[in-house]
Amino acid sequence: VMTRQIAQRVLGLIDLTSLEANDDDDKIQSLAKRGQTEFGPVAAVCVYPPFVAAAHQILKSTAIHLAAVANFPTGAGKVYAAKNECRIALDGGADEIDLVYPYQQFQNGDRQGAEDFVAEIRAFLPAGISLKVILETGAHPTAALTIAMADSAVRAGADFLKTSTGKIAQGASIEAINILLDRAKAAGRPVGVKASGGIRTLADAERYLDHADQAFGRAVDRDLFRFGASGLLNDVLAQLSGATDAPGLASSY
């Protein structure tokens, strides 16, 4: 019973994601339909800006948020290019932007320039659009750097602090999530946290969820915590349907 309850909670926290070179409108529309499960909806669907409009056709009458990435995945683009990606996403119906923080610029010493980049995007976005800032924590050599970058993202107006793009070897880690949870709590305003990169099983997700609940002092909802994932939904649905031995569905239980 406990596993089912956790699976139900995790389901509602998933940002169901596809950010692949072979994405097209049909694939993204199938993804959007998958997000509306018999056990309830995922939190959001996250795609590249050109596919937002296709996803919006499927999701516009649902409670599922629609997110698009910008400055993705290297964080090394120009601010005008990121604004253009945001404009395409907003025109298509996105209500969340997952922006890669210029983490290499920050690491190379131009901390103010990197922070200004994020602040400029925040100012460009309408007030009701959620800005999730991807720090790419797996590329940070020290915890101190992660702390400094998280605080910078908060100052620049981030609504969420997110670990990873999923495009480098090191994705989310408990260590990184604990830092982001700590800095989100210290923000003095509501800031959520998103764990992404390598979270594929309910057992993986449950560990992160426990830390989030402890950090925020309550059972977190999608306004405070998300999982960025593509494969996690399979395991969650397997647990909810009782088909833990279903072929091709990895289970940790």
Protein backbone atom coordinates (compact mmCIF):
# COMPACT_ATOMS: atom_id res chain seq x y z
CA VAL A 1 0.00 0.00 0.00
CA MET A 2 2.82 2.37 0.91
CA THR A 3 4.53 1.78 -2.42
CA ARG A 4 1.30 2.60 -4.24
CA GLN A 5 0.90 5.83 -2.27
CA ILE A 6 4.44 6.88 -3.10
CA ALA A 7 3.95 5.95 -6.75
CA GLN A 8 0.77 8.06 -6.83
CA ARG A 9 2.64 11.05 -5.38
CA VAL A 10 5.61 10.67 -7.71
CA LEU A 11 3.28 10.47 -10.72
CA GLY A 12 1.96 13.96 -9.98
CA LEU A 13 5.51 15.36 -9.69
CA ILE A 14 6.91 14.13 -13.01
CA ASP A 15 7.91 16.51 -15.78
CA LEU A 16 7.57 13.97 -18.61
CA THR A 17 10.42 14.88 -20.90
CA SER A 18 11.62 14.29 -24.44
CA LEU A 19 14.68 16.21 -25.64
CA GLU A 20 16.04 14.01 -28.40
CA ALA A 21 17.41 14.76 -31.85
CA ASN A 22 14.65 12.67 -33.47
CA ASP A 23 11.73 14.42 -31.74
CA ASP A 24 8.91 15.47 -34.05
CA ASP A 25 5.31 16.62 -33.63
CA ASP A 26 3.90 13.08 -33.69
CA LYS A 27 6.35 11.80 -31.08
CA ILE A 28 5.67 14.77 -28.80
CA GLN A 29 1.91 14.42 -29.14
CA SER A 30 2.22 10.75 -28.13
CA LEU A 31 4.30 11.87 -25.15
CA ALA A 32 1.65 14.41 -24.16
CA LYS A 33 -1.04 11.72 -24.32
CA ARG A 34 1.09 9.42 -22.15
CA GLY A 35 1.12 12.13 -19.49
CA GLN A 36 -2.62 11.74 -18.98
CA THR A 37 -2.60 8.34 -17.27
CA GLU A 38 -5.47 6.30 -15.90
CA PHE A 39 -4.07 7.06 -12.43
CA GLY A 40 -3.96 10.81 -12.96
CA PRO A 41 -1.84 13.39 -14.77
CA VAL A 42 1.87 14.09 -14.60
CA ALA A 43 2.94 17.57 -13.45
CA ALA A 44 4.20 18.78 -16.82
CA VAL A 45 5.47 17.83 -20.25
CA CYS A 46 8.88 19.26 -21.18
CA VAL A 47 10.03 19.59 -24.79
CA TYR A 48 12.09 21.70 -27.20
CA PRO A 49 10.44 25.04 -28.12
CA PRO A 50 9.45 24.07 -31.70
CA PHE A 51 7.28 21.21 -30.36
CA VAL A 52 5.39 23.18 -27.73
CA ALA A 53 2.51 23.98 -30.08
CA ALA A 54 2.01 20.29 -30.93
CA ALA A 55 1.99 19.34 -27.24
CA HIS A 56 -0.36 22.22 -26.45
CA GLN A 57 -2.98 20.81 -28.84
CA ILE A 58 -3.14 17.71 -26.62
CA LEU A 59 -2.72 19.38 -23.22
CA LYS A 60 -4.66 22.64 -23.50
CA SER A 61 -7.76 21.29 -21.74
CA THR A 62 -5.80 19.44 -19.03
CA ALA A 63 -4.15 20.48 -15.75
CA ILE A 64 -0.74 19.44 -17.09
CA HIS A 65 1.81 22.25 -17.36
CA LEU A 66 3.80 22.69 -20.56
CA ALA A 67 7.51 23.42 -20.30
CA ALA A 68 10.16 24.19 -22.90
CA VAL A 69 13.94 24.29 -22.57
CA ALA A 70 16.08 27.30 -23.49
CA ASN A 71 19.85 27.84 -23.75
CA PHE A 72 19.92 24.04 -23.83
CA PRO A 73 21.98 21.95 -23.24
CA THR A 74 25.35 23.73 -23.00
CA GLY A 75 24.24 26.96 -21.32
CA ALA A 76 26.67 28.73 -23.64
CA GLY A 77 24.24 30.49 -25.96
CA LYS A 78 23.59 34.21 -26.37
CA VAL A 79 20.81 35.87 -24.39
CA TYR A 80 19.04 37.05 -27.58
CA ALA A 81 18.92 33.43 -28.80
CA ALA A 82 17.47 32.24 -25.48
CA LYS A 83 14.86 35.00 -25.65
CA ASN A 84 13.91 33.86 -29.12
CA GLU A 85 13.51 30.28 -27.87
CA CYS A 86 11.31 31.57 -25.06
CA ARG A 87 9.22 33.57 -27.51
CA ILE A 88 8.62 30.47 -29.68
CA ALA A 89 7.70 28.47 -26.57
CA LEU A 90 5.32 31.12 -25.22
CA ASP A 91 3.66 31.56 -28.61
CA GLY A 92 3.11 27.80 -28.67
CA GLY A 93 1.44 27.78 -25.26
CA ALA A 94 4.25 27.04 -22.79
CA ASP A 95 3.74 28.15 -19.18
CA GLU A 96 7.18 27.07 -17.89
CA ILE A 97 10.71 27.64 -19.18
CA ASP A 98 13.61 25.35 -18.19
CA LEU A 99 16.62 27.60 -18.78
CA VAL A 100 20.19 26.32 -18.62
CA TYR A 101 22.22 28.63 -16.38
CA PRO A 102 25.42 29.85 -18.12
CA TYR A 103 27.31 27.58 -15.75
CA GLN A 104 30.59 27.55 -17.68
CA GLN A 105 30.64 31.36 -17.76
CA PHE A 106 30.05 31.33 -13.98
CA GLN A 107 32.77 28.72 -13.40
CA ASN A 108 35.19 30.72 -15.53
CA GLY A 109 34.84 33.75 -13.28
CA ASP A 110 32.17 35.91 -14.91
CA ARG A 111 29.62 35.33 -12.17
CA GLN A 112 27.82 38.64 -12.63
CA GLY A 113 27.49 38.15 -16.37
CA ALA A 114 25.98 34.71 -15.86
CA GLU A 115 23.53 36.01 -13.27
CA ASP A 116 22.56 38.95 -15.48
CA PHE A 117 21.75 36.49 -18.29
CA VAL A 118 19.16 34.74 -16.11
CA ALA A 119 17.77 38.03 -14.78
CA GLU A 120 17.30 39.26 -18.35
CA ILE A 121 15.33 36.14 -19.27
CA ARG A 122 13.22 36.47 -16.11
CA ALA A 123 12.43 40.09 -17.02
CA PHE A 124 11.54 38.99 -20.57
CA LEU A 125 9.04 36.35 -19.38
CA PRO A 126 5.52 37.31 -18.29
CA ALA A 127 5.01 37.20 -14.52
CA GLY A 128 2.89 34.04 -14.58
CA ILE A 129 5.47 31.97 -16.44
CA SER A 130 7.54 29.73 -14.17
CA LEU A 131 11.32 29.92 -14.66
CA LYS A 132 13.15 26.71 -13.81
CA VAL A 133 16.92 27.22 -13.87
CA ILE A 134 19.14 24.21 -14.70
CA LEU A 135 22.47 24.45 -12.89
CA GLU A 136 24.09 21.29 -14.39
CA THR A 137 25.35 20.32 -10.93
CA GLY A 138 27.15 17.25 -12.29
CA ALA A 139 29.67 19.61 -13.92
CA HIS A 140 30.47 21.45 -10.68
CA PRO A 141 33.82 20.53 -9.11
CA THR A 142 32.81 21.68 -5.62
CA ALA A 143 29.74 22.00 -3.40
CA ALA A 144 30.70 25.64 -2.81
CA LEU A 145 30.25 26.32 -6.52
CA THR A 146 26.78 24.71 -6.48
CA ILE A 147 25.78 26.83 -3.48
CA ALA A 148 27.02 30.04 -5.12
CA MET A 149 25.31 29.27 -8.42
CA ALA A 150 22.02 28.31 -6.75
CA ASP A 151 22.03 31.58 -4.77
CA SER A 152 22.81 33.48 -7.96
CA ALA A 153 19.89 31.83 -9.77
CA VAL A 154 17.56 32.74 -6.89
CA ARG A 155 18.73 36.37 -6.98
CA ALA A 156 18.09 36.42 -10.73
CA GLY A 157 14.48 35.34 -10.22
CA ALA A 158 14.43 31.53 -10.53
CA ASP A 159 11.16 29.88 -9.49
CA PHE A 160 12.82 26.45 -9.44
CA LEU A 161 16.38 25.22 -9.07
CA LYS A 162 17.01 22.19 -11.28
CA THR A 163 19.98 19.83 -11.15
CA SER A 164 20.71 18.68 -14.66
CA THR A 165 20.13 18.68 -18.39
CA GLY A 166 20.43 14.90 -18.59
CA LYS A 167 22.95 15.45 -21.39
CA ILE A 168 26.20 14.95 -19.45
CA ALA A 169 27.38 11.79 -17.68
CA GLN A 170 26.57 12.93 -14.12
CA GLY A 171 22.91 13.64 -13.54
CA ALA A 172 21.12 14.29 -10.29
CA SER A 173 22.66 13.30 -6.96
CA ILE A 174 21.34 13.37 -3.41
CA GLU A 175 24.23 15.67 -2.48
CA ALA A 176 23.28 18.20 -5.14
CA ILE A 177 19.57 17.99 -4.33
CA ASN A 178 20.24 18.63 -0.65
CA ILE A 179 22.17 21.80 -1.57
CA LEU A 180 19.37 23.00 -3.86
CA LEU A 181 16.74 22.26 -1.22
CA ASP A 182 18.75 24.20 1.35
CA ARG A 183 19.18 27.22 -0.94
CA ALA A 184 15.52 27.12 -2.01
CA LYS A 185 14.45 27.20 1.63
CA ALA A 186 16.80 30.13 2.31
CA ALA A 187 15.37 32.14 -0.60
CA GLY A 188 12.86 34.11 1.45
CA ARG A 189 10.16 33.39 -1.14
CA PRO A 190 8.71 30.22 -2.65
CA VAL A 191 11.37 28.45 -4.76
CA GLY A 192 10.95 24.85 -5.87
CA VAL A 193 13.51 22.18 -6.71
CA LYS A 194 13.63 19.80 -9.66
CA ALA A 195 15.68 16.60 -9.71
CA SER A 196 16.55 15.50 -13.22
CA GLY A 197 19.08 13.27 -14.91
CA GLY A 198 19.24 9.52 -14.31
CA ILE A 199 16.14 9.05 -12.14
CA ARG A 200 14.48 6.00 -13.65
CA THR A 201 12.88 3.93 -10.89
CA LEU A 202 10.38 4.56 -8.14
CA ALA A 203 13.05 3.55 -5.63
CA ASP A 204 15.35 6.28 -6.99
CA ALA A 205 12.54 8.83 -6.88
CA GLU A 206 11.46 7.91 -3.36
CA ARG A 207 14.91 8.79 -1.97
CA TYR A 208 14.73 12.29 -3.45
CA LEU A 209 11.13 12.73 -2.36
CA ASP A 210 12.03 11.87 1.25
CA HIS A 211 14.71 14.57 1.26
CA ALA A 212 12.30 17.12 -0.25
CA ASP A 213 9.57 16.37 2.29
CA GLN A 214 12.07 16.70 5.13
CA ALA A 215 13.55 19.93 3.78
CA PHE A 216 10.22 21.69 3.27
CA GLY A 217 8.66 20.19 6.39
CA ARG A 218 5.64 18.81 4.57
CA ALA A 219 4.57 16.52 1.76
CA VAL A 220 5.72 18.47 -1.29
CA ASP A 221 3.45 19.14 -4.25
CA ARG A 222 4.29 20.06 -7.85
CA ASP A 223 4.67 23.73 -6.92
CA LEU A 224 7.69 22.81 -4.78
CA PHE A 225 9.22 19.66 -6.25
CA ARG A 226 9.50 17.94 -9.62
CA PHE A 227 11.22 15.04 -11.28
CA GLY A 228 12.54 15.58 -14.79
CA ALA A 229 12.35 12.14 -16.40
CA SER A 230 11.35 10.07 -19.38
CA GLY A 231 11.63 6.50 -18.14
CA LEU A 232 10.41 7.00 -14.56
CA LEU A 233 6.75 7.01 -15.62
CA ASN A 234 7.04 3.38 -16.78
CA ASP A 235 8.05 2.16 -13.33
CA VAL A 236 5.47 4.34 -11.56
CA LEU A 237 2.67 3.01 -13.76
CA ALA A 238 3.88 -0.56 -13.28
CA GLN A 239 3.66 -0.11 -9.51
CA LEU A 240 0.21 1.51 -9.70
CA SER A 241 -1.22 -1.16 -11.99
CA GLY A 242 0.27 -3.96 -9.90
CA ALA A 243 2.14 -5.21 -12.95
CA THR A 244 5.53 -5.19 -11.27
CA ASP A 245 6.64 -8.15 -13.35
CA ALA A 246 5.45 -6.66 -16.64
CA PRO A 247 7.97 -7.28 -19.43
CA GLY A 248 10.30 -4.40 -20.12
CA LEU A 249 9.30 -2.48 -16.99
CA ALA A 250 12.17 -2.35 -14.54
CA SER A 251 11.08 -2.64 -10.95
CA SER A 252 13.12 -2.10 -7.83
CA TYR A 253 10.64 -3.86 -5.58
